PDB file of N, CA and C in Angstrom:
ATOM      1  N   MET A   1     -68.799   9.601 -30.792  1.00  0.00           N
ATOM      2  CA  MET A   1     -70.021   9.515 -30.657  1.00  0.00           C
ATOM      3  C   MET A   1     -70.728   8.899 -31.645  1.00  0.00           C
ATOM      4  N   LYS A   2     -71.656   7.749 -31.273  1.00  0.00           N
ATOM      5  CA  LYS A   2     -72.357   7.220 -32.388  1.00  0.00           C
ATOM      6  C   LYS A   2     -73.861   7.592 -31.835  1.00  0.00           C
ATOM      7  N   VAL A   3     -74.429   8.212 -32.872  1.00  0.00           N
ATOM      8  CA  VAL A   3     -75.799   8.672 -32.422  1.00  0.00           C
ATOM      9  C   VAL A   3     -77.025   8.123 -33.376  1.00  0.00           C
ATOM     10  N   GLY A   4     -77.882   7.652 -32.711  1.00  0.00           N
ATOM     11  CA  GLY A   4     -78.932   7.183 -33.590  1.00  0.00           C
ATOM     12  C   GLY A   4     -80.078   8.317 -33.222  1.00  0.00           C
ATOM     13  N   ILE A   5     -80.731   8.779 -34.096  1.00  0.00           N
ATOM     14  CA  ILE A   5     -81.792  10.029 -33.933  1.00  0.00           C
ATOM     15  C   ILE A   5     -83.302   9.480 -34.034  1.00  0.00           C
ATOM     16  N   ILE A   6     -84.263   9.655 -32.978  1.00  0.00           N
ATOM     17  CA  ILE A   6     -85.479   9.359 -33.234  1.00  0.00           C
ATOM     18  C   ILE A   6     -86.172  10.759 -33.555  1.00  0.00           C
ATOM     19  N   ARG A   7     -87.042  10.646 -34.369  1.00  0.00           N
ATOM     20  CA  ARG A   7     -87.841  12.025 -34.667  1.00  0.00           C
ATOM     21  C   ARG A   7     -89.340  11.666 -34.832  1.00  0.00           C
ATOM     22  N   CYS A   8     -89.951  12.732 -35.080  1.00  0.00           N
ATOM     23  CA  CYS A   8     -91.530  12.359 -35.070  1.00  0.00           C
ATOM     24  C   CYS A   8     -92.095  12.310 -36.230  1.00  0.00           C
ATOM     25  N   LEU A   9     -93.136  11.094 -36.219  1.00  0.00           N
ATOM     26  CA  LEU A   9     -93.522  10.542 -37.456  1.00  0.00           C
ATOM     27  C   LEU A   9     -94.297  11.565 -37.947  1.00  0.00           C
ATOM     28  N   GLN A  10     -94.961  12.538 -37.374  1.00  0.00           N
ATOM     29  CA  GLN A  10     -95.991  13.462 -37.696  1.00  0.00           C
ATOM     30  C   GLN A  10     -95.174  14.785 -38.720  1.00  0.00           C
ATOM     31  N   THR A  11     -94.030  14.838 -38.565  1.00  0.00           N
ATOM     32  CA  THR A  11     -93.281  15.880 -39.185  1.00  0.00           C
ATOM     33  C   THR A  11     -92.358  15.136 -40.544  1.00  0.00           C
ATOM     34  N   GLU A  12     -92.080  13.863 -40.512  1.00  0.00           N
ATOM     35  CA  GLU A  12     -91.204  12.907 -41.440  1.00  0.00           C
ATOM     36  C   GLU A  12     -91.911  13.362 -43.163  1.00  0.00           C
ATOM     37  N   ASP A  13     -93.195  13.410 -42.958  1.00  0.00           N
ATOM     38  CA  ASP A  13     -93.564  14.115 -44.878  1.00  0.00           C
ATOM     39  C   ASP A  13     -92.836  15.001 -45.016  1.00  0.00           C
ATOM     40  N   TYR A  14     -92.633  16.131 -44.217  1.00  0.00           N
ATOM     41  CA  TYR A  14     -92.226  17.345 -44.804  1.00  0.00           C
ATOM     42  C   TYR A  14     -90.765  17.834 -44.359  1.00  0.00           C
ATOM     43  N   CYS A  15     -90.380  17.190 -43.285  1.00  0.00           N
ATOM     44  CA  CYS A  15     -88.989  17.508 -42.941  1.00  0.00           C
ATOM     45  C   CYS A  15     -88.181  16.338 -43.172  1.00  0.00           C
ATOM     46  N   PRO A  16     -87.068  16.579 -43.984  1.00  0.00           N
ATOM     47  CA  PRO A  16     -86.088  15.404 -44.290  1.00  0.00           C
ATOM     48  C   PRO A  16     -84.999  15.262 -43.360  1.00  0.00           C
ATOM     49  N   GLY A  17     -85.000  15.984 -42.155  1.00  0.00           N
ATOM     50  CA  GLY A  17     -83.759  16.064 -41.295  1.00  0.00           C
ATOM     51  C   GLY A  17     -82.793  16.725 -41.435  1.00  0.00           C
ATOM     52  N   THR A  18     -82.806  17.438 -42.475  1.00  0.00           N
ATOM     53  CA  THR A  18     -81.446  18.516 -43.085  1.00  0.00           C
ATOM     54  C   THR A  18     -80.852  19.244 -41.844  1.00  0.00           C
ATOM     55  N   THR A  19     -81.755  20.129 -40.976  1.00  0.00           N
ATOM     56  CA  THR A  19     -81.042  20.719 -40.084  1.00  0.00           C
ATOM     57  C   THR A  19     -80.482  19.672 -38.694  1.00  0.00           C
ATOM     58  N   ASP A  20     -81.052  18.403 -38.722  1.00  0.00           N
ATOM     59  CA  ASP A  20     -80.398  17.586 -37.705  1.00  0.00           C
ATOM     60  C   ASP A  20     -79.147  17.337 -37.901  1.00  0.00           C
ATOM     61  N   PHE A  21     -78.871  17.078 -39.326  1.00  0.00           N
ATOM     62  CA  PHE A  21     -77.725  16.361 -39.683  1.00  0.00           C
ATOM     63  C   PHE A  21     -76.604  17.567 -39.967  1.00  0.00           C
ATOM     64  N   LYS A  22     -77.427  18.809 -40.116  1.00  0.00           N
ATOM     65  CA  LYS A  22     -76.336  20.088 -40.386  1.00  0.00           C
ATOM     66  C   LYS A  22     -75.764  20.327 -38.831  1.00  0.00           C
ATOM     67  N   ALA A  23     -76.544  20.106 -37.917  1.00  0.00           N
ATOM     68  CA  ALA A  23     -76.081  20.325 -36.288  1.00  0.00           C
ATOM     69  C   ALA A  23     -75.226  19.270 -35.894  1.00  0.00           C
ATOM     70  N   ILE A  24     -75.041  18.301 -36.500  1.00  0.00           N
ATOM     71  CA  ILE A  24     -74.094  17.159 -36.106  1.00  0.00           C
ATOM     72  C   ILE A  24     -72.800  17.443 -36.963  1.00  0.00           C
ATOM     73  N   ARG A  25     -72.825  17.924 -38.357  1.00  0.00           N
ATOM     74  CA  ARG A  25     -72.054  18.247 -38.944  1.00  0.00           C
ATOM     75  C   ARG A  25     -70.806  19.244 -38.466  1.00  0.00           C
ATOM     76  N   GLU A  26     -72.198  20.543 -38.162  1.00  0.00           N
ATOM     77  CA  GLU A  26     -71.082  21.416 -37.721  1.00  0.00           C
ATOM     78  C   GLU A  26     -70.956  21.590 -36.174  1.00  0.00           C
ATOM     79  N   LYS A  27     -71.439  20.857 -35.459  1.00  0.00           N
ATOM     80  CA  LYS A  27     -71.319  20.593 -33.807  1.00  0.00           C
ATOM     81  C   LYS A  27     -72.040  21.631 -33.143  1.00  0.00           C
ATOM     82  N   THR A  28     -73.094  21.992 -33.716  1.00  0.00           N
ATOM     83  CA  THR A  28     -74.002  23.345 -33.019  1.00  0.00           C
ATOM     84  C   THR A  28     -74.966  22.302 -32.228  1.00  0.00           C
ATOM     85  N   GLY A  29     -76.105  23.242 -31.703  1.00  0.00           N
ATOM     86  CA  GLY A  29     -77.151  22.890 -30.715  1.00  0.00           C
ATOM     87  C   GLY A  29     -76.653  21.576 -29.901  1.00  0.00           C
ATOM     88  N   ALA A  30     -77.247  20.800 -29.859  1.00  0.00           N
ATOM     89  CA  ALA A  30     -76.883  19.633 -28.707  1.00  0.00           C
ATOM     90  C   ALA A  30     -75.969  19.253 -29.078  1.00  0.00           C
ATOM     91  N   PHE A  31     -75.027  19.216 -30.189  1.00  0.00           N
ATOM     92  CA  PHE A  31     -73.460  18.736 -30.330  1.00  0.00           C
ATOM     93  C   PHE A  31     -72.489  19.577 -30.122  1.00  0.00           C
ATOM     94  N   ALA A  32     -72.800  21.009 -29.646  1.00  0.00           N
ATOM     95  CA  ALA A  32     -71.863  21.698 -29.222  1.00  0.00           C
ATOM     96  C   ALA A  32     -70.942  21.357 -28.115  1.00  0.00           C
ATOM     97  N   GLY A  33     -69.620  21.695 -28.401  1.00  0.00           N
ATOM     98  CA  GLY A  33     -68.887  21.073 -27.339  1.00  0.00           C
ATOM     99  C   GLY A  33     -68.480  19.665 -27.706  1.00  0.00           C
ATOM    100  N   ILE A  34     -68.957  18.776 -28.580  1.00  0.00           N
ATOM    101  CA  ILE A  34     -68.229  17.561 -28.422  1.00  0.00           C
ATOM    102  C   ILE A  34     -67.132  17.371 -29.371  1.00  0.00           C
ATOM    103  N   ASP A  35     -66.008  17.079 -28.640  1.00  0.00           N
ATOM    104  CA  ASP A  35     -64.785  16.974 -29.563  1.00  0.00           C
ATOM    105  C   ASP A  35     -64.383  15.933 -30.231  1.00  0.00           C
ATOM    106  N   GLU A  36     -65.482  14.811 -29.943  1.00  0.00           N
ATOM    107  CA  GLU A  36     -65.130  13.443 -30.635  1.00  0.00           C
ATOM    108  C   GLU A  36     -65.820  13.570 -32.263  1.00  0.00           C
ATOM    109  N   GLU A  37     -65.237  12.614 -32.847  1.00  0.00           N
ATOM    110  CA  GLU A  37     -65.948  12.533 -34.133  1.00  0.00           C
ATOM    111  C   GLU A  37     -67.620  11.884 -33.759  1.00  0.00           C
ATOM    112  N   ILE A  38     -68.222  12.480 -34.743  1.00  0.00           N
ATOM    113  CA  ILE A  38     -69.748  12.386 -34.462  1.00  0.00           C
ATOM    114  C   ILE A  38     -70.157  11.264 -35.827  1.00  0.00           C
ATOM    115  N   GLU A  39     -70.356  10.113 -35.592  1.00  0.00           N
ATOM    116  CA  GLU A  39     -71.381   9.169 -36.350  1.00  0.00           C
ATOM    117  C   GLU A  39     -72.476   8.719 -36.290  1.00  0.00           C
ATOM    118  N   ILE A  40     -73.651   8.895 -37.666  1.00  0.00           N
ATOM    119  CA  ILE A  40     -75.132   8.865 -37.523  1.00  0.00           C
ATOM    120  C   ILE A  40     -75.168   7.428 -37.747  1.00  0.00           C
ATOM    121  N   ILE A  41     -75.690   6.457 -36.892  1.00  0.00           N
ATOM    122  CA  ILE A  41     -75.909   5.343 -36.685  1.00  0.00           C
ATOM    123  C   ILE A  41     -77.477   4.960 -37.698  1.00  0.00           C
ATOM    124  N   GLY A  42     -78.599   5.837 -37.344  1.00  0.00           N
ATOM    125  CA  GLY A  42     -79.744   5.600 -38.061  1.00  0.00           C
ATOM    126  C   GLY A  42     -80.184   6.864 -37.477  1.00  0.00           C
ATOM    127  N   PHE A  43     -81.658   6.806 -38.212  1.00  0.00           N
ATOM    128  CA  PHE A  43     -82.184   8.287 -38.169  1.00  0.00           C
ATOM    129  C   PHE A  43     -83.761   7.259 -38.682  1.00  0.00           C
ATOM    130  N   ILE A  44     -84.591   7.465 -37.332  1.00  0.00           N
ATOM    131  CA  ILE A  44     -85.842   6.807 -37.422  1.00  0.00           C
ATOM    132  C   ILE A  44     -87.150   7.374 -36.466  1.00  0.00           C
ATOM    133  N   ASN A  45     -88.244   7.209 -36.865  1.00  0.00           N
ATOM    134  CA  ASN A  45     -89.301   8.029 -36.502  1.00  0.00           C
ATOM    135  C   ASN A  45     -89.919   7.083 -35.091  1.00  0.00           C
ATOM    136  N   CYS A  46     -90.578   7.757 -34.191  1.00  0.00           N
ATOM    137  CA  CYS A  46     -91.054   7.063 -33.191  1.00  0.00           C
ATOM    138  C   CYS A  46     -92.220   6.304 -33.161  1.00  0.00           C
ATOM    139  N   GLY A  47     -92.617   5.852 -34.374  1.00  0.00           N
ATOM    140  CA  GLY A  47     -93.481   4.867 -34.716  1.00  0.00           C
ATOM    141  C   GLY A  47     -95.053   5.345 -34.202  1.00  0.00           C
ATOM    142  N   GLY A  48     -94.974   7.028 -34.127  1.00  0.00           N
ATOM    143  CA  GLY A  48     -96.445   7.562 -33.994  1.00  0.00           C
ATOM    144  C   GLY A  48     -96.928   7.356 -32.765  1.00  0.00           C
ATOM    145  N   CYS A  49     -98.131   8.368 -32.550  1.00  0.00           N
ATOM    146  CA  CYS A  49     -98.406   8.551 -31.037  1.00  0.00           C
ATOM    147  C   CYS A  49     -98.969   7.455 -30.543  1.00  0.00           C
ATOM    148  N   PRO A  50     -98.765   6.884 -29.380  1.00  0.00           N
ATOM    149  CA  PRO A  50     -98.130   7.537 -28.350  1.00  0.00           C
ATOM    150  C   PRO A  50     -96.826   7.294 -28.171  1.00  0.00           C
ATOM    151  N   ALA A  51     -96.110   7.021 -29.300  1.00  0.00           N
ATOM    152  CA  ALA A  51     -94.638   6.515 -28.967  1.00  0.00           C
ATOM    153  C   ALA A  51     -94.365   5.381 -28.357  1.00  0.00           C
ATOM    154  N   LYS A  52     -95.456   4.325 -28.552  1.00  0.00           N
ATOM    155  CA  LYS A  52     -95.243   2.886 -28.216  1.00  0.00           C
ATOM    156  C   LYS A  52     -94.487   2.024 -28.701  1.00  0.00           C
ATOM    157  N   LYS A  53     -93.551   2.651 -29.728  1.00  0.00           N
ATOM    158  CA  LYS A  53     -92.708   1.656 -30.713  1.00  0.00           C
ATOM    159  C   LYS A  53     -91.393   2.487 -30.729  1.00  0.00           C
ATOM    160  N   SER A  54     -91.252   3.524 -29.745  1.00  0.00           N
ATOM    161  CA  SER A  54     -90.208   4.342 -29.422  1.00  0.00           C
ATOM    162  C   SER A  54     -88.922   3.462 -28.920  1.00  0.00           C
ATOM    163  N   ILE A  55     -89.541   2.760 -27.859  1.00  0.00           N
ATOM    164  CA  ILE A  55     -88.256   1.982 -27.157  1.00  0.00           C
ATOM    165  C   ILE A  55     -87.680   0.857 -27.798  1.00  0.00           C
ATOM    166  N   LEU A  56     -88.337   0.036 -28.548  1.00  0.00           N
ATOM    167  CA  LEU A  56     -87.868  -1.309 -29.452  1.00  0.00           C
ATOM    168  C   LEU A  56     -87.085  -0.295 -30.773  1.00  0.00           C
ATOM    169  N   ARG A  57     -87.247   1.028 -30.899  1.00  0.00           N
ATOM    170  CA  ARG A  57     -86.508   1.598 -31.974  1.00  0.00           C
ATOM    171  C   ARG A  57     -85.392   2.028 -31.507  1.00  0.00           C
ATOM    172  N   ALA A  58     -85.189   2.518 -30.323  1.00  0.00           N
ATOM    173  CA  ALA A  58     -83.897   2.984 -29.713  1.00  0.00           C
ATOM    174  C   ALA A  58     -83.216   1.828 -29.257  1.00  0.00           C
ATOM    175  N   ARG A  59     -83.499   0.434 -28.851  1.00  0.00           N
ATOM    176  CA  ARG A  59     -82.830  -0.771 -28.716  1.00  0.00           C
ATOM    177  C   ARG A  59     -82.589  -1.161 -29.867  1.00  0.00           C
ATOM    178  N   ALA A  60     -83.427  -0.899 -31.204  1.00  0.00           N
ATOM    179  CA  ALA A  60     -82.402  -1.141 -32.382  1.00  0.00           C
ATOM    180  C   ALA A  60     -81.265  -0.279 -32.583  1.00  0.00           C
ATOM    181  N   LEU A  61     -81.423   1.111 -32.605  1.00  0.00           N
ATOM    182  CA  LEU A  61     -80.004   1.664 -32.786  1.00  0.00           C
ATOM    183  C   LEU A  61     -79.159   1.326 -32.048  1.00  0.00           C
ATOM    184  N   VAL A  62     -79.168   0.948 -30.647  1.00  0.00           N
ATOM    185  CA  VAL A  62     -78.443   0.956 -29.723  1.00  0.00           C
ATOM    186  C   VAL A  62     -77.665  -0.761 -30.235  1.00  0.00           C
ATOM    187  N   LYS A  63     -78.561  -1.211 -30.481  1.00  0.00           N
ATOM    188  CA  LYS A  63     -77.969  -2.919 -31.239  1.00  0.00           C
ATOM    189  C   LYS A  63     -77.116  -2.578 -32.704  1.00  0.00           C
ATOM    190  N   ARG A  64     -77.571  -1.445 -33.114  1.00  0.00           N
ATOM    191  CA  ARG A  64     -76.626  -1.258 -34.278  1.00  0.00           C
ATOM    192  C   ARG A  64     -75.363  -0.640 -33.930  1.00  0.00           C
ATOM    193  N   GLY A  65     -75.338  -0.108 -32.733  1.00  0.00           N
ATOM    194  CA  GLY A  65     -73.933   0.617 -32.498  1.00  0.00           C
ATOM    195  C   GLY A  65     -74.101   1.789 -31.585  1.00  0.00           C
ATOM    196  N   ALA A  66     -75.300   2.486 -31.505  1.00  0.00           N
ATOM    197  CA  ALA A  66     -75.284   3.521 -30.842  1.00  0.00           C
ATOM    198  C   ALA A  66     -75.077   3.729 -29.387  1.00  0.00           C
ATOM    199  N   ASP A  67     -74.151   4.834 -29.405  1.00  0.00           N
ATOM    200  CA  ASP A  67     -73.859   4.899 -27.753  1.00  0.00           C
ATOM    201  C   ASP A  67     -74.561   6.001 -27.227  1.00  0.00           C
ATOM    202  N   THR A  68     -75.527   6.987 -28.044  1.00  0.00           N
ATOM    203  CA  THR A  68     -76.092   8.266 -27.685  1.00  0.00           C
ATOM    204  C   THR A  68     -77.572   8.170 -28.489  1.00  0.00           C
ATOM    205  N   ILE A  69     -78.669   8.554 -27.952  1.00  0.00           N
ATOM    206  CA  ILE A  69     -80.038   8.634 -28.505  1.00  0.00           C
ATOM    207  C   ILE A  69     -80.236   9.988 -28.281  1.00  0.00           C
ATOM    208  N   ALA A  70     -80.586  10.588 -29.430  1.00  0.00           N
ATOM    209  CA  ALA A  70     -80.899  11.958 -29.971  1.00  0.00           C
ATOM    210  C   ALA A  70     -82.507  12.193 -30.069  1.00  0.00           C
ATOM    211  N   PHE A  71     -83.149  12.949 -29.442  1.00  0.00           N
ATOM    212  CA  PHE A  71     -84.352  13.260 -29.757  1.00  0.00           C
ATOM    213  C   PHE A  71     -84.399  14.195 -30.806  1.00  0.00           C
ATOM    214  N   ALA A  72     -84.846  14.036 -32.189  1.00  0.00           N
ATOM    215  CA  ALA A  72     -84.927  15.387 -33.150  1.00  0.00           C
ATOM    216  C   ALA A  72     -85.345  16.412 -32.377  1.00  0.00           C
ATOM    217  N   SER A  73     -85.405  17.350 -33.068  1.00  0.00           N
ATOM    218  CA  SER A  73     -85.997  18.817 -32.117  1.00  0.00           C
ATOM    219  C   SER A  73     -87.326  18.974 -32.149  1.00  0.00           C
ATOM    220  N   CYS A  74     -88.027  18.303 -33.425  1.00  0.00           N
ATOM    221  CA  CYS A  74     -89.427  18.012 -33.755  1.00  0.00           C
ATOM    222  C   CYS A  74     -89.974  17.434 -32.319  1.00  0.00           C
ATOM    223  N   ILE A  75     -89.683  16.598 -31.453  1.00  0.00           N
ATOM    224  CA  ILE A  75     -90.054  15.684 -30.710  1.00  0.00           C
ATOM    225  C   ILE A  75     -90.448  16.841 -29.519  1.00  0.00           C
ATOM    226  N   GLN A  76     -89.100  17.413 -28.615  1.00  0.00           N
ATOM    227  CA  GLN A  76     -89.467  18.217 -27.413  1.00  0.00           C
ATOM    228  C   GLN A  76     -89.590  19.618 -27.875  1.00  0.00           C
ATOM    229  N   LYS A  77     -89.038  20.248 -29.088  1.00  0.00           N
ATOM    230  CA  LYS A  77     -89.201  21.764 -29.275  1.00  0.00           C
ATOM    231  C   LYS A  77     -90.172  21.939 -30.118  1.00  0.00           C
ATOM    232  N   GLY A  78     -91.070  20.770 -31.202  1.00  0.00           N
ATOM    233  CA  GLY A  78     -91.974  21.131 -31.906  1.00  0.00           C
ATOM    234  C   GLY A  78     -91.585  21.676 -33.257  1.00  0.00           C
ATOM    235  N   THR A  79     -90.147  21.510 -33.232  1.00  0.00           N
ATOM    236  CA  THR A  79     -89.462  22.059 -34.648  1.00  0.00           C
ATOM    237  C   THR A  79     -89.809  21.408 -35.754  1.00  0.00           C
ATOM    238  N   PRO A  80     -90.464  21.830 -36.734  1.00  0.00           N
ATOM    239  CA  PRO A  80     -90.565  23.253 -37.049  1.00  0.00           C
ATOM    240  C   PRO A  80     -92.109  23.788 -37.274  1.00  0.00           C
ATOM    241  N   ILE A  81     -93.024  22.470 -36.878  1.00  0.00           N
ATOM    242  CA  ILE A  81     -94.489  22.760 -37.128  1.00  0.00           C
ATOM    243  C   ILE A  81     -94.986  23.541 -35.665  1.00  0.00           C
ATOM    244  N   GLY A  82     -94.094  23.759 -34.487  1.00  0.00           N
ATOM    245  CA  GLY A  82     -94.740  24.432 -33.636  1.00  0.00           C
ATOM    246  C   GLY A  82     -95.170  23.681 -32.328  1.00  0.00           C
ATOM    247  N   TYR A  83     -95.467  22.444 -32.376  1.00  0.00           N
ATOM    248  CA  TYR A  83     -96.273  21.766 -32.013  1.00  0.00           C
ATOM    249  C   TYR A  83     -95.243  20.513 -31.484  1.00  0.00           C
ATOM    250  N   PRO A  84     -94.713  20.976 -29.776  1.00  0.00           N
ATOM    251  CA  PRO A  84     -93.987  19.659 -29.137  1.00  0.00           C
ATOM    252  C   PRO A  84     -95.036  18.073 -29.302  1.00  0.00           C
ATOM    253  N   CYS A  85     -94.193  17.548 -28.907  1.00  0.00           N
ATOM    254  CA  CYS A  85     -94.753  16.062 -28.775  1.00  0.00           C
ATOM    255  C   CYS A  85     -95.691  16.079 -27.518  1.00  0.00           C
ATOM    256  N   PRO A  86     -96.691  15.559 -26.942  1.00  0.00           N
ATOM    257  CA  PRO A  86     -97.225  15.458 -25.907  1.00  0.00           C
ATOM    258  C   PRO A  86     -96.607  14.228 -24.894  1.00  0.00           C
ATOM    259  N   PHE A  87     -96.362  13.307 -25.632  1.00  0.00           N
ATOM    260  CA  PHE A  87     -95.647  12.287 -24.801  1.00  0.00           C
ATOM    261  C   PHE A  87     -94.189  12.367 -24.852  1.00  0.00           C
ATOM    262  N   ALA A  88     -93.356  13.622 -25.256  1.00  0.00           N
ATOM    263  CA  ALA A  88     -92.054  13.779 -25.261  1.00  0.00           C
ATOM    264  C   ALA A  88     -91.148  13.138 -23.906  1.00  0.00           C
ATOM    265  N   LYS A  89     -91.584  13.680 -22.746  1.00  0.00           N
ATOM    266  CA  LYS A  89     -91.349  13.461 -21.318  1.00  0.00           C
ATOM    267  C   LYS A  89     -91.151  11.894 -21.116  1.00  0.00           C
ATOM    268  N   LYS A  90     -92.518  11.396 -21.453  1.00  0.00           N
ATOM    269  CA  LYS A  90     -92.816  10.037 -21.087  1.00  0.00           C
ATOM    270  C   LYS A  90     -91.777   8.951 -21.678  1.00  0.00           C
ATOM    271  N   MET A  91     -91.866   9.320 -23.026  1.00  0.00           N
ATOM    272  CA  MET A  91     -91.033   8.486 -24.144  1.00  0.00           C
ATOM    273  C   MET A  91     -89.624   8.437 -23.802  1.00  0.00           C
ATOM    274  N   ARG A  92     -89.127   9.757 -23.275  1.00  0.00           N
ATOM    275  CA  ARG A  92     -87.661  10.147 -22.882  1.00  0.00           C
ATOM    276  C   ARG A  92     -87.323   9.289 -21.628  1.00  0.00           C
ATOM    277  N   ASP A  93     -88.112   9.381 -20.850  1.00  0.00           N
ATOM    278  CA  ASP A  93     -88.081   8.317 -19.408  1.00  0.00           C
ATOM    279  C   ASP A  93     -87.986   7.274 -19.692  1.00  0.00           C
ATOM    280  N   LEU A  94     -89.147   6.482 -20.458  1.00  0.00           N
ATOM    281  CA  LEU A  94     -89.220   5.223 -20.778  1.00  0.00           C
ATOM    282  C   LEU A  94     -88.080   4.783 -21.181  1.00  0.00           C
ATOM    283  N   ILE A  95     -87.414   5.675 -22.512  1.00  0.00           N
ATOM    284  CA  ILE A  95     -86.182   5.157 -23.107  1.00  0.00           C
ATOM    285  C   ILE A  95     -85.016   4.993 -22.329  1.00  0.00           C
ATOM    286  N   ALA A  96     -84.966   5.821 -21.570  1.00  0.00           N
ATOM    287  CA  ALA A  96     -83.570   6.189 -20.604  1.00  0.00           C
ATOM    288  C   ALA A  96     -83.571   5.059 -19.837  1.00  0.00           C
ATOM    289  N   LYS A  97     -84.796   4.760 -19.090  1.00  0.00           N
ATOM    290  CA  LYS A  97     -84.936   3.876 -18.218  1.00  0.00           C
ATOM    291  C   LYS A  97     -84.694   2.506 -18.429  1.00  0.00           C
ATOM    292  N   ASP A  98     -84.859   2.288 -20.061  1.00  0.00           N
ATOM    293  CA  ASP A  98     -85.026   0.767 -20.642  1.00  0.00           C
ATOM    294  C   ASP A  98     -83.371   0.720 -20.981  1.00  0.00           C
ATOM    295  N   LEU A  99     -82.739   1.994 -21.679  1.00  0.00           N
ATOM    296  CA  LEU A  99     -81.606   1.626 -22.032  1.00  0.00           C
ATOM    297  C   LEU A  99     -80.747   1.462 -20.895  1.00  0.00           C
ATOM    298  N   GLY A 100     -80.620   2.381 -19.792  1.00  0.00           N
ATOM    299  CA  GLY A 100     -79.890   2.234 -18.783  1.00  0.00           C
ATOM    300  C   GLY A 100     -78.728   3.509 -18.822  1.00  0.00           C
ATOM    301  N   ASP A 101     -77.708   3.527 -17.821  1.00  0.00           N
ATOM    302  CA  ASP A 101     -76.846   4.688 -17.676  1.00  0.00           C
ATOM    303  C   ASP A 101     -76.045   4.625 -18.674  1.00  0.00           C
ATOM    304  N   GLY A 102     -75.622   3.589 -19.530  1.00  0.00           N
ATOM    305  CA  GLY A 102     -74.614   3.503 -20.415  1.00  0.00           C
ATOM    306  C   GLY A 102     -74.879   4.268 -21.992  1.00  0.00           C
ATOM    307  N   ILE A 103     -75.925   4.682 -21.690  1.00  0.00           N
ATOM    308  CA  ILE A 103     -76.385   5.285 -23.174  1.00  0.00           C
ATOM    309  C   ILE A 103     -76.735   6.402 -22.801  1.00  0.00           C
ATOM    310  N   ARG A 104     -76.121   7.933 -23.739  1.00  0.00           N
ATOM    311  CA  ARG A 104     -76.534   9.097 -23.509  1.00  0.00           C
ATOM    312  C   ARG A 104     -77.590   9.694 -23.984  1.00  0.00           C
ATOM    313  N   ILE A 105     -78.563  10.377 -23.419  1.00  0.00           N
ATOM    314  CA  ILE A 105     -79.474  11.001 -24.216  1.00  0.00           C
ATOM    315  C   ILE A 105     -79.325  11.941 -24.434  1.00  0.00           C
ATOM    316  N   LEU A 106     -79.769  12.804 -25.814  1.00  0.00           N
ATOM    317  CA  LEU A 106     -79.975  14.127 -26.066  1.00  0.00           C
ATOM    318  C   LEU A 106     -81.360  14.628 -26.477  1.00  0.00           C
ATOM    319  N   ASP A 107     -81.947  15.460 -25.640  1.00  0.00           N
ATOM    320  CA  ASP A 107     -83.415  16.135 -25.693  1.00  0.00           C
ATOM    321  C   ASP A 107     -83.534  16.573 -26.710  1.00  0.00           C
ATOM    322  N   TYR A 108     -82.649  17.152 -27.553  1.00  0.00           N
ATOM    323  CA  TYR A 108     -82.755  17.629 -28.991  1.00  0.00           C
ATOM    324  C   TYR A 108     -81.521  17.669 -29.770  1.00  0.00           C
ATOM    325  N   THR A 109     -81.823  18.139 -31.085  1.00  0.00           N
ATOM    326  CA  THR A 109     -80.733  18.317 -32.007  1.00  0.00           C
ATOM    327  C   THR A 109     -80.118  19.864 -32.349  1.00  0.00           C
ATOM    328  N   HIS A 110     -81.111  20.663 -32.805  1.00  0.00           N
ATOM    329  CA  HIS A 110     -80.779  21.811 -33.075  1.00  0.00           C
ATOM    330  C   HIS A 110     -81.305  22.819 -32.409  1.00  0.00           C
ATOM    331  N   GLU A 111     -81.161  24.027 -32.616  1.00  0.00           N
ATOM    332  CA  GLU A 111     -81.939  25.420 -32.037  1.00  0.00           C
ATOM    333  C   GLU A 111     -83.006  25.812 -32.475  1.00  0.00           C
ATOM    334  N   ALA A 112     -82.940  25.867 -33.820  1.00  0.00           N
ATOM    335  CA  ALA A 112     -84.207  26.546 -34.925  1.00  0.00           C
ATOM    336  C   ALA A 112     -83.837  26.116 -36.202  1.00  0.00           C
ATOM    337  N   ARG A 113     -84.999  25.971 -36.578  1.00  0.00           N
ATOM    338  CA  ARG A 113     -85.207  25.713 -38.123  1.00  0.00           C
ATOM    339  C   ARG A 113     -84.332  26.350 -38.935  1.00  0.00           C
ATOM    340  N   ASN A 114     -83.277  25.745 -39.674  1.00  0.00           N
ATOM    341  CA  ASN A 114     -82.586  26.960 -40.651  1.00  0.00           C
ATOM    342  C   ASN A 114     -82.698  27.034 -42.022  1.00  0.00           C
TER     343      ASN A 114
END
């Protein structure tokens, strides 16, 4: 699996993505049960509310080799600030439609902040 992660712009000032990377390394959270090697292609923010740049950023990750787009847990679960993105569903739906069936979409990366 070659994964590109999209994270929330609002959380990047204080969240370095450590738990996202740990979930990949230890194959927990959304990565549990994945037998193949996981390579991180990129880690980028959504572009800010209302996520208008997220489609272009997902395309860039795929262009660079990602076969999976994962939304960091800050997007849909609100981790670590407790405020899920109000545009999460729309962003996910638009990206999935734009990229098509050949790209796997993961709705989160990890269960809780560690």
